[in-house]
């Protein structure tokens, strides 16, 4: 059996964009992309979901503690080893104004995650898994109108700039790469999170990529 770890933020967790309409909650396990991908891959795969709302690559959020991915990735890997593939899908939260980080700096944070994921010491002599860098779906401009007042046009523009930076970072570290901005869009009425239909599109693209890498 092949083991795949999905390490991401609220769009891996499956937060519903319908929160803006008063319907708070999470897509069920057969709707959000990691679970749907598992169903597509079949019984020869175990897909481990590690999505956390608000998670960043390396930044500490002063308003929500314990959101830095770099602080959790190693213990997460150690909990789930052995692994064949680690999918990293982070960066959207890093665009927040409080972090004042450019797309290049966010990609550098991704690089630190990759270094941890590929560090042989983490696996105590066991095999080191492959790493798939997944560029998050960019923010939609409608997100700048949300009542929480968090998303700005600068964030939207940074989210669009991540693809080129992430592809270069993936190449530099010898990782696989997929740009989910070419696969799906955020909800047209909310602009941050992904609808059930979007999760289905991502699951299909991810399942095909995983098969390409591991089979």
N, C-alpha and C. Protein backbone atom coordinates (compact mmCIF):
# COMPACT_ATOMS: atom_id res chain seq x y z
N UNK A 1 0.84 -1.20 0.00
CA UNK A 1 0.00 0.00 0.00
C UNK A 1 0.88 1.25 0.00
N UNK A 2 0.48 2.24 -0.79
CA UNK A 2 1.21 3.51 -0.86
C UNK A 2 0.55 4.52 0.08
N UNK A 3 1.39 5.30 0.77
CA UNK A 3 0.91 6.26 1.76
C UNK A 3 1.20 7.68 1.28
N UNK A 4 0.14 8.51 1.25
CA UNK A 4 0.24 9.88 0.75
C UNK A 4 -0.24 10.84 1.84
N UNK A 5 0.62 11.79 2.21
CA UNK A 5 0.29 12.80 3.21
C UNK A 5 -0.09 14.10 2.51
N UNK A 6 -1.26 14.64 2.82
CA UNK A 6 -1.73 15.91 2.25
C UNK A 6 -1.61 16.99 3.33
N UNK A 7 -0.64 17.89 3.17
CA UNK A 7 -0.32 18.90 4.18
C UNK A 7 -0.72 20.26 3.64
N UNK A 8 -1.80 20.83 4.22
CA UNK A 8 -2.31 22.08 3.66
C UNK A 8 -3.05 22.93 4.67
N UNK A 9 -3.86 23.85 4.13
CA UNK A 9 -4.59 24.80 4.97
C UNK A 9 -6.09 24.51 4.90
N UNK A 10 -6.91 25.56 4.93
CA UNK A 10 -8.37 25.36 4.99
C UNK A 10 -8.93 24.73 3.72
N UNK A 11 -8.24 24.87 2.60
CA UNK A 11 -8.73 24.24 1.38
C UNK A 11 -8.29 22.78 1.27
N UNK A 12 -7.48 22.31 2.18
CA UNK A 12 -7.25 20.87 2.36
C UNK A 12 -8.18 20.34 3.45
N UNK A 13 -8.37 21.15 4.48
CA UNK A 13 -9.33 20.84 5.54
C UNK A 13 -10.75 20.72 4.97
N UNK A 14 -11.04 21.55 3.97
CA UNK A 14 -12.36 21.49 3.34
C UNK A 14 -13.37 22.47 3.87
N UNK A 15 -12.92 23.64 4.34
CA UNK A 15 -13.86 24.65 4.84
C UNK A 15 -14.80 25.09 3.72
N UNK A 16 -16.09 25.13 4.02
CA UNK A 16 -17.09 25.49 3.01
C UNK A 16 -17.11 27.00 2.78
N UNK A 17 -17.08 27.44 1.52
CA UNK A 17 -17.19 28.88 1.26
C UNK A 17 -18.57 29.43 1.61
N UNK A 18 -19.53 28.54 1.82
CA UNK A 18 -20.89 28.98 2.16
C UNK A 18 -21.00 29.63 3.53
N UNK A 19 -19.86 29.69 4.26
CA UNK A 19 -19.90 30.39 5.55
C UNK A 19 -20.40 31.82 5.37
N UNK A 20 -20.08 32.41 4.22
CA UNK A 20 -20.48 33.78 3.95
C UNK A 20 -22.00 33.90 3.85
N UNK A 21 -22.67 32.78 3.58
CA UNK A 21 -24.13 32.76 3.49
C UNK A 21 -24.77 32.25 4.77
N UNK A 22 -23.94 32.10 5.81
CA UNK A 22 -24.44 31.67 7.10
C UNK A 22 -24.41 30.17 7.32
N UNK A 23 -23.83 29.43 6.38
CA UNK A 23 -23.76 27.97 6.50
C UNK A 23 -22.32 27.56 6.82
N UNK A 24 -22.00 27.56 8.09
CA UNK A 24 -20.65 27.21 8.52
C UNK A 24 -20.47 25.70 8.49
N UNK A 25 -19.27 25.27 8.19
CA UNK A 25 -19.01 23.84 8.23
C UNK A 25 -17.90 23.42 7.30
N UNK A 26 -17.74 22.11 7.21
CA UNK A 26 -16.66 21.49 6.46
C UNK A 26 -17.26 20.49 5.47
N UNK A 27 -16.72 20.49 4.25
CA UNK A 27 -17.13 19.46 3.30
C UNK A 27 -16.87 18.08 3.92
N UNK A 28 -17.74 17.12 3.66
CA UNK A 28 -17.55 15.79 4.24
C UNK A 28 -16.35 15.09 3.59
N UNK A 29 -15.93 13.99 4.18
CA UNK A 29 -14.68 13.35 3.77
C UNK A 29 -14.71 12.82 2.34
N UNK A 30 -15.89 12.59 1.80
CA UNK A 30 -15.98 12.11 0.42
C UNK A 30 -16.18 13.24 -0.57
N UNK A 31 -16.21 14.48 -0.06
CA UNK A 31 -16.35 15.66 -0.92
C UNK A 31 -15.05 16.44 -1.01
N UNK A 32 -14.38 16.63 0.12
CA UNK A 32 -13.13 17.39 0.08
C UNK A 32 -12.07 16.61 -0.71
N UNK A 33 -11.15 17.34 -1.33
CA UNK A 33 -10.29 16.71 -2.34
C UNK A 33 -9.43 15.55 -1.84
N UNK A 34 -8.87 15.57 -0.62
CA UNK A 34 -8.07 14.40 -0.23
C UNK A 34 -8.89 13.12 -0.15
N UNK A 35 -10.11 13.23 0.39
CA UNK A 35 -10.96 12.04 0.49
C UNK A 35 -11.44 11.58 -0.87
N UNK A 36 -11.79 12.53 -1.71
CA UNK A 36 -12.25 12.18 -3.05
C UNK A 36 -11.09 11.58 -3.86
N UNK A 37 -9.88 12.12 -3.67
CA UNK A 37 -8.71 11.55 -4.32
C UNK A 37 -8.47 10.12 -3.86
N UNK A 38 -8.64 9.87 -2.58
CA UNK A 38 -8.48 8.52 -2.04
C UNK A 38 -9.44 7.55 -2.72
N UNK A 39 -10.68 7.99 -2.90
CA UNK A 39 -11.67 7.13 -3.56
C UNK A 39 -11.28 6.84 -5.02
N UNK A 40 -10.71 7.83 -5.68
CA UNK A 40 -10.29 7.66 -7.06
C UNK A 40 -9.08 6.73 -7.16
N UNK A 41 -8.16 6.82 -6.20
CA UNK A 41 -6.94 6.02 -6.24
C UNK A 41 -7.19 4.56 -5.89
N UNK A 42 -8.15 4.31 -5.03
CA UNK A 42 -8.50 2.93 -4.70
C UNK A 42 -7.79 2.37 -3.49
N UNK A 43 -7.96 1.09 -3.28
CA UNK A 43 -7.53 0.44 -2.04
C UNK A 43 -6.01 0.29 -1.91
N UNK A 44 -5.28 0.54 -2.97
CA UNK A 44 -3.82 0.43 -2.90
C UNK A 44 -3.19 1.68 -2.29
N UNK A 45 -4.02 2.66 -1.93
CA UNK A 45 -3.51 3.91 -1.39
C UNK A 45 -4.15 4.24 -0.04
N UNK A 46 -3.33 4.79 0.85
CA UNK A 46 -3.82 5.40 2.08
C UNK A 46 -3.52 6.88 2.01
N UNK A 47 -4.56 7.71 2.07
CA UNK A 47 -4.41 9.16 1.98
C UNK A 47 -4.64 9.76 3.35
N UNK A 48 -3.65 10.49 3.84
CA UNK A 48 -3.67 11.07 5.18
C UNK A 48 -3.96 12.56 5.06
N UNK A 49 -5.05 13.01 5.66
CA UNK A 49 -5.47 14.40 5.58
C UNK A 49 -4.89 15.20 6.75
N UNK A 50 -4.11 16.22 6.43
CA UNK A 50 -3.53 17.11 7.44
C UNK A 50 -3.75 18.55 7.02
N UNK A 51 -5.02 18.96 6.98
CA UNK A 51 -5.37 20.34 6.66
C UNK A 51 -5.72 21.11 7.92
N UNK A 52 -5.23 22.34 8.02
CA UNK A 52 -5.52 23.20 9.18
C UNK A 52 -5.87 24.60 8.69
N UNK A 53 -7.01 25.10 9.12
CA UNK A 53 -7.41 26.45 8.74
C UNK A 53 -6.39 27.47 9.23
N UNK A 54 -5.99 28.38 8.36
CA UNK A 54 -5.06 29.43 8.73
C UNK A 54 -3.60 29.05 8.67
N UNK A 55 -3.29 27.82 8.31
CA UNK A 55 -1.88 27.38 8.31
C UNK A 55 -1.06 28.16 7.28
N UNK A 56 0.15 28.54 7.67
CA UNK A 56 1.11 29.20 6.81
C UNK A 56 2.28 28.24 6.52
N UNK A 57 3.22 28.69 5.70
CA UNK A 57 4.43 27.90 5.50
C UNK A 57 5.31 28.00 6.74
N UNK A 58 5.73 29.22 7.09
CA UNK A 58 6.69 29.40 8.20
C UNK A 58 6.32 30.52 9.15
N UNK A 59 5.27 31.28 8.85
CA UNK A 59 4.98 32.48 9.63
C UNK A 59 4.11 32.19 10.84
N UNK A 60 4.39 32.89 11.94
CA UNK A 60 3.60 32.79 13.16
C UNK A 60 2.53 33.87 13.14
N UNK A 61 1.29 33.47 13.21
CA UNK A 61 0.16 34.40 13.21
C UNK A 61 -0.09 34.87 14.64
N UNK A 62 0.08 36.17 14.92
CA UNK A 62 -0.11 36.65 16.29
C UNK A 62 -1.56 36.60 16.77
N UNK A 63 -2.50 36.46 15.83
CA UNK A 63 -3.91 36.43 16.21
C UNK A 63 -4.45 35.01 16.39
N UNK A 64 -3.80 34.05 15.73
CA UNK A 64 -4.19 32.64 15.86
C UNK A 64 -2.94 31.80 16.07
N UNK A 65 -2.71 31.29 17.28
CA UNK A 65 -1.47 30.56 17.56
C UNK A 65 -1.41 29.20 16.87
N UNK A 66 -0.18 28.71 16.73
CA UNK A 66 0.12 27.36 16.23
C UNK A 66 -0.37 27.13 14.81
N UNK A 67 -0.13 28.11 13.94
CA UNK A 67 -0.51 28.01 12.53
C UNK A 67 0.70 27.83 11.61
N UNK A 68 1.91 27.89 12.15
CA UNK A 68 3.10 27.80 11.31
C UNK A 68 3.36 26.35 10.89
N UNK A 69 3.33 26.11 9.59
CA UNK A 69 3.52 24.75 9.09
C UNK A 69 4.88 24.17 9.41
N UNK A 70 5.92 24.99 9.43
CA UNK A 70 7.26 24.48 9.67
C UNK A 70 7.40 23.89 11.06
N UNK A 71 6.62 24.37 12.01
CA UNK A 71 6.70 23.86 13.38
C UNK A 71 5.96 22.53 13.55
N UNK A 72 5.04 22.23 12.64
CA UNK A 72 4.24 21.01 12.78
C UNK A 72 4.63 19.92 11.80
N UNK A 73 5.32 20.28 10.72
CA UNK A 73 5.55 19.31 9.67
C UNK A 73 6.37 18.11 10.15
N UNK A 74 7.46 18.34 10.85
CA UNK A 74 8.29 17.21 11.26
C UNK A 74 7.54 16.25 12.19
N UNK A 75 6.91 16.73 13.28
CA UNK A 75 6.16 15.78 14.10
C UNK A 75 5.03 15.10 13.35
N UNK A 76 4.44 15.81 12.39
CA UNK A 76 3.38 15.22 11.56
C UNK A 76 3.95 14.06 10.74
N UNK A 77 5.08 14.29 10.11
CA UNK A 77 5.72 13.23 9.32
C UNK A 77 6.08 12.05 10.20
N UNK A 78 6.67 12.34 11.36
CA UNK A 78 7.09 11.26 12.26
C UNK A 78 5.90 10.44 12.74
N UNK A 79 4.74 11.07 12.84
CA UNK A 79 3.53 10.36 13.27
C UNK A 79 3.02 9.40 12.20
N UNK A 80 3.26 9.74 10.93
CA UNK A 80 2.65 8.99 9.85
C UNK A 80 3.63 8.16 9.01
N UNK A 81 4.93 8.27 9.28
CA UNK A 81 5.91 7.48 8.55
C UNK A 81 5.63 5.99 8.72
N UNK A 82 5.82 5.15 7.68
CA UNK A 82 6.44 5.46 6.39
C UNK A 82 5.49 6.13 5.41
N UNK A 83 6.06 6.98 4.56
CA UNK A 83 5.30 7.70 3.55
C UNK A 83 5.96 7.52 2.19
N UNK A 84 5.14 7.52 1.15
CA UNK A 84 5.65 7.45 -0.21
C UNK A 84 5.64 8.82 -0.89
N UNK A 85 4.71 9.68 -0.45
CA UNK A 85 4.58 11.00 -1.08
C UNK A 85 4.02 11.99 -0.07
N UNK A 86 4.59 13.20 -0.07
CA UNK A 86 4.05 14.31 0.72
C UNK A 86 3.60 15.40 -0.25
N UNK A 87 2.33 15.77 -0.16
CA UNK A 87 1.80 16.86 -0.96
C UNK A 87 1.74 18.11 -0.07
N UNK A 88 2.39 19.18 -0.50
CA UNK A 88 2.37 20.44 0.25
C UNK A 88 1.57 21.45 -0.54
N UNK A 89 0.47 21.93 0.06
CA UNK A 89 -0.39 22.92 -0.60
C UNK A 89 -0.64 24.07 0.38
N UNK A 90 0.30 24.98 0.44
CA UNK A 90 0.25 26.11 1.37
C UNK A 90 0.70 27.39 0.66
N UNK A 91 0.40 28.52 1.28
CA UNK A 91 0.87 29.80 0.77
C UNK A 91 -0.18 30.89 0.76
N UNK A 92 -1.44 30.52 0.69
CA UNK A 92 -2.50 31.54 0.63
C UNK A 92 -2.50 32.40 1.88
N UNK A 93 -2.41 31.79 3.05
CA UNK A 93 -2.43 32.57 4.29
C UNK A 93 -1.17 33.42 4.47
N UNK A 94 -0.08 33.01 3.81
CA UNK A 94 1.16 33.77 3.88
C UNK A 94 1.04 35.13 3.20
N UNK A 95 0.03 35.29 2.34
CA UNK A 95 -0.12 36.56 1.63
C UNK A 95 -0.72 37.66 2.51
N UNK A 96 -1.16 37.32 3.71
CA UNK A 96 -1.80 38.31 4.58
C UNK A 96 -0.86 39.48 4.87
N UNK A 97 -1.44 40.67 4.96
CA UNK A 97 -0.66 41.88 5.17
C UNK A 97 0.18 41.85 6.42
N UNK A 98 -0.27 41.16 7.47
CA UNK A 98 0.46 41.14 8.74
C UNK A 98 1.86 40.53 8.58
N UNK A 99 2.04 39.68 7.55
CA UNK A 99 3.34 39.04 7.37
C UNK A 99 4.27 39.84 6.46
N UNK A 100 3.71 40.74 5.68
CA UNK A 100 4.51 41.62 4.82
C UNK A 100 5.52 40.83 4.00
N UNK A 101 5.09 39.70 3.46
CA UNK A 101 5.98 38.81 2.70
C UNK A 101 5.69 38.88 1.22
N UNK A 102 6.73 38.97 0.42
CA UNK A 102 6.58 38.94 -1.03
C UNK A 102 6.34 37.51 -1.50
N UNK A 103 5.96 37.35 -2.77
CA UNK A 103 5.79 36.00 -3.32
C UNK A 103 7.10 35.22 -3.24
N UNK A 104 8.22 35.91 -3.46
CA UNK A 104 9.53 35.24 -3.37
C UNK A 104 9.81 34.77 -1.95
N UNK A 105 9.44 35.56 -0.96
CA UNK A 105 9.66 35.17 0.43
C UNK A 105 8.75 34.03 0.84
N UNK A 106 7.53 34.02 0.32
CA UNK A 106 6.62 32.90 0.60
C UNK A 106 7.18 31.62 0.00
N UNK A 107 7.73 31.72 -1.21
CA UNK A 107 8.34 30.56 -1.85
C UNK A 107 9.56 30.09 -1.06
N UNK A 108 10.28 31.01 -0.45
CA UNK A 108 11.41 30.61 0.40
C UNK A 108 10.91 29.83 1.61
N UNK A 109 9.76 30.22 2.16
CA UNK A 109 9.15 29.45 3.24
C UNK A 109 8.77 28.06 2.79
N UNK A 110 8.24 27.95 1.59
CA UNK A 110 7.96 26.64 1.01
C UNK A 110 9.24 25.81 0.93
N UNK A 111 10.33 26.45 0.55
CA UNK A 111 11.60 25.75 0.47
C UNK A 111 12.02 25.14 1.79
N UNK A 112 11.76 25.83 2.88
CA UNK A 112 12.09 25.28 4.20
C UNK A 112 11.24 24.04 4.49
N UNK A 113 9.99 24.06 4.10
CA UNK A 113 9.13 22.88 4.29
C UNK A 113 9.66 21.70 3.48
N UNK A 114 10.05 21.96 2.25
CA UNK A 114 10.59 20.90 1.40
C UNK A 114 11.85 20.30 2.02
N UNK A 115 12.71 21.16 2.54
CA UNK A 115 13.94 20.67 3.16
C UNK A 115 13.64 19.74 4.33
N UNK A 116 12.64 20.09 5.12
CA UNK A 116 12.23 19.22 6.22
C UNK A 116 11.67 17.91 5.69
N UNK A 117 10.81 18.00 4.69
CA UNK A 117 10.17 16.81 4.14
C UNK A 117 11.17 15.86 3.49
N UNK A 118 12.30 16.39 3.02
CA UNK A 118 13.29 15.56 2.33
C UNK A 118 14.52 15.26 3.20
N UNK A 119 14.45 15.61 4.47
CA UNK A 119 15.59 15.40 5.37
C UNK A 119 15.63 13.93 5.82
N UNK A 120 16.67 13.17 5.46
CA UNK A 120 16.73 11.76 5.84
C UNK A 120 16.66 11.53 7.34
N UNK A 121 17.12 12.51 8.13
CA UNK A 121 17.11 12.34 9.59
C UNK A 121 15.70 12.21 10.14
N UNK A 122 14.73 12.78 9.44
CA UNK A 122 13.34 12.71 9.90
C UNK A 122 12.82 11.28 9.85
N UNK A 123 13.39 10.47 8.96
CA UNK A 123 12.85 9.14 8.70
C UNK A 123 13.64 8.03 9.38
N UNK A 124 14.63 8.39 10.18
CA UNK A 124 15.36 7.44 11.02
C UNK A 124 15.84 6.22 10.24
N UNK A 125 16.42 6.46 9.08
CA UNK A 125 16.96 5.38 8.29
C UNK A 125 16.00 4.78 7.29
N UNK A 126 14.75 5.17 7.36
CA UNK A 126 13.76 4.66 6.41
C UNK A 126 13.80 5.44 5.10
N UNK A 127 13.02 5.03 4.12
CA UNK A 127 13.02 5.71 2.83
C UNK A 127 12.45 7.13 2.92
N UNK A 128 13.03 8.03 2.16
CA UNK A 128 12.57 9.42 2.10
C UNK A 128 11.51 9.52 1.00
N UNK A 129 10.32 10.04 1.32
CA UNK A 129 9.26 10.12 0.30
C UNK A 129 9.52 11.19 -0.74
N UNK A 130 8.81 11.09 -1.84
CA UNK A 130 8.81 12.15 -2.83
C UNK A 130 7.93 13.30 -2.34
N UNK A 131 8.15 14.47 -2.90
CA UNK A 131 7.38 15.66 -2.51
C UNK A 131 6.71 16.26 -3.74
N UNK A 132 5.42 16.54 -3.62
CA UNK A 132 4.66 17.21 -4.66
C UNK A 132 4.27 18.60 -4.17
N UNK A 133 4.75 19.62 -4.83
CA UNK A 133 4.38 21.00 -4.53
C UNK A 133 3.13 21.34 -5.32
N UNK A 134 2.07 21.71 -4.61
CA UNK A 134 0.81 22.09 -5.24
C UNK A 134 0.56 23.58 -5.00
N UNK A 135 0.52 24.34 -6.08
CA UNK A 135 0.22 25.77 -5.95
C UNK A 135 -1.26 25.93 -5.61
N UNK A 136 -1.59 26.63 -4.52
CA UNK A 136 -3.00 26.80 -4.18
C UNK A 136 -3.77 27.56 -5.26
N UNK A 137 -5.06 27.33 -5.32
CA UNK A 137 -5.92 28.11 -6.21
C UNK A 137 -5.85 29.57 -5.77
N UNK A 138 -5.57 30.51 -6.68
CA UNK A 138 -5.45 31.92 -6.28
C UNK A 138 -6.74 32.48 -5.70
N UNK A 139 -6.59 33.48 -4.90
CA UNK A 139 -7.74 34.20 -4.34
C UNK A 139 -8.50 34.89 -5.46
N UNK A 140 -9.82 34.99 -5.28
CA UNK A 140 -10.65 35.75 -6.21
C UNK A 140 -10.84 37.17 -5.72
N UNK A 141 -11.01 38.10 -6.65
CA UNK A 141 -11.14 39.50 -6.26
C UNK A 141 -12.34 39.76 -5.36
N UNK A 142 -13.38 38.93 -5.47
CA UNK A 142 -14.56 39.11 -4.63
C UNK A 142 -14.21 38.99 -3.15
N UNK A 143 -13.10 38.32 -2.83
CA UNK A 143 -12.69 38.14 -1.43
C UNK A 143 -12.39 39.47 -0.76
N UNK A 144 -12.07 40.50 -1.56
CA UNK A 144 -11.77 41.81 -0.97
C UNK A 144 -13.02 42.49 -0.41
N UNK A 145 -14.21 41.93 -0.71
CA UNK A 145 -15.46 42.51 -0.22
C UNK A 145 -16.02 41.77 0.98
N UNK A 146 -15.32 40.73 1.46
CA UNK A 146 -15.84 39.94 2.57
C UNK A 146 -15.92 40.76 3.85
N UNK A 147 -16.87 40.45 4.72
CA UNK A 147 -17.07 41.25 5.93
C UNK A 147 -15.94 41.17 6.94
N UNK A 148 -15.08 40.13 6.86
CA UNK A 148 -13.98 40.06 7.82
C UNK A 148 -12.89 41.08 7.52
N UNK A 149 -12.90 41.66 6.33
CA UNK A 149 -11.97 42.73 5.99
C UNK A 149 -10.52 42.32 5.91
N UNK A 150 -10.24 41.03 5.76
CA UNK A 150 -8.85 40.55 5.76
C UNK A 150 -8.22 40.64 4.38
N UNK A 151 -8.92 40.21 3.36
CA UNK A 151 -8.32 40.06 2.03
C UNK A 151 -8.24 41.39 1.30
N UNK A 152 -7.07 41.68 0.75
CA UNK A 152 -6.82 42.90 -0.01
C UNK A 152 -6.43 42.52 -1.44
N UNK A 153 -6.43 43.51 -2.33
CA UNK A 153 -6.00 43.25 -3.70
C UNK A 153 -4.53 42.85 -3.73
N UNK A 154 -3.75 43.37 -2.82
CA UNK A 154 -2.34 42.96 -2.76
C UNK A 154 -2.23 41.46 -2.50
N UNK A 155 -3.08 40.95 -1.62
CA UNK A 155 -3.09 39.50 -1.36
C UNK A 155 -3.49 38.72 -2.60
N UNK A 156 -4.50 39.21 -3.29
CA UNK A 156 -4.95 38.54 -4.51
C UNK A 156 -3.81 38.48 -5.52
N UNK A 157 -3.12 39.58 -5.69
CA UNK A 157 -2.02 39.63 -6.66
C UNK A 157 -0.87 38.71 -6.24
N UNK A 158 -0.55 38.68 -4.95
CA UNK A 158 0.51 37.78 -4.48
C UNK A 158 0.12 36.32 -4.71
N UNK A 159 -1.14 35.99 -4.47
CA UNK A 159 -1.58 34.60 -4.66
C UNK A 159 -1.43 34.19 -6.12
N UNK A 160 -1.64 35.13 -7.04
CA UNK A 160 -1.47 34.84 -8.46
C UNK A 160 0.00 34.69 -8.84
N UNK A 161 0.87 35.35 -8.09
CA UNK A 161 2.30 35.33 -8.39
C UNK A 161 3.01 34.09 -7.85
N UNK A 162 2.31 33.30 -7.03
CA UNK A 162 2.97 32.16 -6.39
C UNK A 162 3.35 31.06 -7.38
N UNK A 163 2.58 30.87 -8.44
CA UNK A 163 2.80 29.73 -9.34
C UNK A 163 4.22 29.73 -9.91
N UNK A 164 4.65 30.85 -10.45
CA UNK A 164 5.99 30.91 -11.06
C UNK A 164 7.06 30.70 -10.00
N UNK A 165 6.89 31.31 -8.84
CA UNK A 165 7.88 31.17 -7.76
C UNK A 165 7.93 29.74 -7.24
N UNK A 166 6.76 29.12 -7.09
CA UNK A 166 6.71 27.75 -6.58
C UNK A 166 7.29 26.75 -7.57
N UNK A 167 7.04 26.98 -8.85
CA UNK A 167 7.60 26.07 -9.84
C UNK A 167 9.12 26.10 -9.81
N UNK A 168 9.69 27.31 -9.68
CA UNK A 168 11.14 27.43 -9.59
C UNK A 168 11.68 26.76 -8.33
N UNK A 169 10.97 26.93 -7.22
CA UNK A 169 11.39 26.32 -5.96
C UNK A 169 11.31 24.80 -6.04
N UNK A 170 10.26 24.30 -6.63
CA UNK A 170 10.12 22.84 -6.80
C UNK A 170 11.26 22.29 -7.64
N UNK A 171 11.58 22.96 -8.72
CA UNK A 171 12.68 22.52 -9.58
C UNK A 171 14.01 22.54 -8.83
N UNK A 172 14.23 23.58 -8.06
CA UNK A 172 15.48 23.72 -7.33
C UNK A 172 15.68 22.58 -6.33
N UNK A 173 14.58 22.11 -5.74
CA UNK A 173 14.66 21.07 -4.71
C UNK A 173 14.36 19.67 -5.25
N UNK A 174 14.19 19.56 -6.55
CA UNK A 174 13.93 18.25 -7.14
C UNK A 174 12.58 17.66 -6.79
N UNK A 175 11.55 18.52 -6.74
CA UNK A 175 10.20 18.08 -6.37
C UNK A 175 9.29 18.04 -7.59
N UNK A 176 8.21 17.30 -7.44
CA UNK A 176 7.14 17.31 -8.43
C UNK A 176 6.32 18.60 -8.26
N UNK A 177 5.53 18.96 -9.29
CA UNK A 177 4.85 20.26 -9.27
C UNK A 177 3.50 20.16 -9.97
N UNK A 178 2.51 20.84 -9.40
CA UNK A 178 1.20 21.00 -10.06
C UNK A 178 0.64 22.36 -9.71
N UNK A 179 0.08 23.05 -10.69
CA UNK A 179 -0.51 24.37 -10.50
C UNK A 179 -2.02 24.22 -10.47
N UNK A 180 -2.60 24.30 -9.27
CA UNK A 180 -4.05 24.10 -9.14
C UNK A 180 -4.86 25.29 -9.64
N UNK A 181 -4.20 26.42 -9.87
CA UNK A 181 -4.87 27.55 -10.48
C UNK A 181 -5.32 27.26 -11.90
N UNK A 182 -4.74 26.24 -12.51
CA UNK A 182 -5.14 25.82 -13.85
C UNK A 182 -6.23 24.74 -13.81
N UNK A 183 -6.58 24.33 -12.59
CA UNK A 183 -7.52 23.22 -12.42
C UNK A 183 -8.88 23.68 -11.91
N UNK A 184 -8.87 24.61 -10.95
CA UNK A 184 -10.11 25.03 -10.29
C UNK A 184 -10.04 26.51 -9.93
N UNK A 185 -11.16 27.01 -9.44
CA UNK A 185 -11.25 28.39 -8.98
C UNK A 185 -11.87 28.40 -7.59
N UNK A 186 -11.66 29.50 -6.87
CA UNK A 186 -12.35 29.67 -5.60
C UNK A 186 -13.83 29.96 -5.89
N UNK A 187 -14.64 29.85 -4.86
CA UNK A 187 -16.08 30.09 -5.01
C UNK A 187 -16.32 31.50 -5.54
N UNK A 188 -17.14 31.66 -6.58
CA UNK A 188 -17.35 32.98 -7.18
C UNK A 188 -18.03 33.98 -6.25
N UNK A 189 -18.68 33.49 -5.20
CA UNK A 189 -19.37 34.37 -4.27
C UNK A 189 -18.55 34.66 -3.01
N UNK A 190 -17.35 34.02 -2.90
CA UNK A 190 -16.56 34.17 -1.67
C UNK A 190 -15.08 34.41 -1.94
N UNK A 191 -14.51 33.74 -2.92
CA UNK A 191 -13.17 34.06 -3.39
C UNK A 191 -11.99 33.52 -2.62
N UNK A 192 -12.23 32.74 -1.56
CA UNK A 192 -11.12 32.20 -0.75
C UNK A 192 -11.14 30.68 -0.76
N UNK A 193 -12.32 30.12 -0.56
CA UNK A 193 -12.44 28.67 -0.41
C UNK A 193 -13.08 28.03 -1.64
N UNK A 194 -13.06 26.72 -1.67
CA UNK A 194 -13.40 25.97 -2.88
C UNK A 194 -14.72 25.24 -2.71
N UNK A 195 -15.55 25.29 -3.73
CA UNK A 195 -16.83 24.60 -3.71
C UNK A 195 -16.63 23.10 -3.86
N UNK A 196 -17.70 22.34 -3.66
CA UNK A 196 -17.64 20.89 -3.85
C UNK A 196 -17.20 20.54 -5.26
N UNK A 197 -17.67 21.30 -6.25
CA UNK A 197 -17.28 21.05 -7.63
C UNK A 197 -15.79 21.30 -7.83
N UNK A 198 -15.27 22.33 -7.19
CA UNK A 198 -13.84 22.61 -7.26
C UNK A 198 -13.01 21.52 -6.62
N UNK A 199 -13.47 21.01 -5.49
CA UNK A 199 -12.77 19.91 -4.83
C UNK A 199 -12.72 18.68 -5.74
N UNK A 200 -13.80 18.42 -6.47
CA UNK A 200 -13.84 17.27 -7.38
C UNK A 200 -12.81 17.43 -8.49
N UNK A 201 -12.69 18.63 -9.05
CA UNK A 201 -11.71 18.88 -10.10
C UNK A 201 -10.29 18.70 -9.58
N UNK A 202 -10.03 19.21 -8.37
CA UNK A 202 -8.70 19.08 -7.78
C UNK A 202 -8.39 17.61 -7.51
N UNK A 203 -9.37 16.88 -6.99
CA UNK A 203 -9.16 15.46 -6.69
C UNK A 203 -8.77 14.69 -7.94
N UNK A 204 -9.44 14.96 -9.04
CA UNK A 204 -9.14 14.26 -10.29
C UNK A 204 -7.73 14.58 -10.77
N UNK A 205 -7.36 15.86 -10.72
CA UNK A 205 -6.03 16.26 -11.17
C UNK A 205 -4.95 15.70 -10.25
N UNK A 206 -5.21 15.72 -8.96
CA UNK A 206 -4.25 15.20 -7.99
C UNK A 206 -4.09 13.69 -8.12
N UNK A 207 -5.19 12.98 -8.29
CA UNK A 207 -5.12 11.52 -8.43
C UNK A 207 -4.28 11.14 -9.64
N UNK A 208 -4.47 11.84 -10.74
CA UNK A 208 -3.69 11.57 -11.95
C UNK A 208 -2.21 11.86 -11.71
N UNK A 209 -1.92 12.94 -11.00
CA UNK A 209 -0.53 13.31 -10.72
C UNK A 209 0.11 12.29 -9.77
N UNK A 210 -0.61 11.87 -8.77
CA UNK A 210 -0.09 10.88 -7.81
C UNK A 210 0.23 9.58 -8.52
N UNK A 211 -0.66 9.13 -9.38
CA UNK A 211 -0.39 7.92 -10.16
C UNK A 211 0.86 8.08 -11.02
N UNK A 212 0.99 9.23 -11.62
CA UNK A 212 2.16 9.52 -12.47
C UNK A 212 3.45 9.42 -11.66
N UNK A 213 3.41 9.88 -10.43
CA UNK A 213 4.60 9.90 -9.58
C UNK A 213 4.93 8.52 -9.00
N UNK A 214 3.90 7.81 -8.56
CA UNK A 214 4.12 6.60 -7.76
C UNK A 214 3.93 5.28 -8.52
N UNK A 215 3.38 5.33 -9.71
CA UNK A 215 3.11 4.06 -10.41
C UNK A 215 4.00 3.91 -11.64
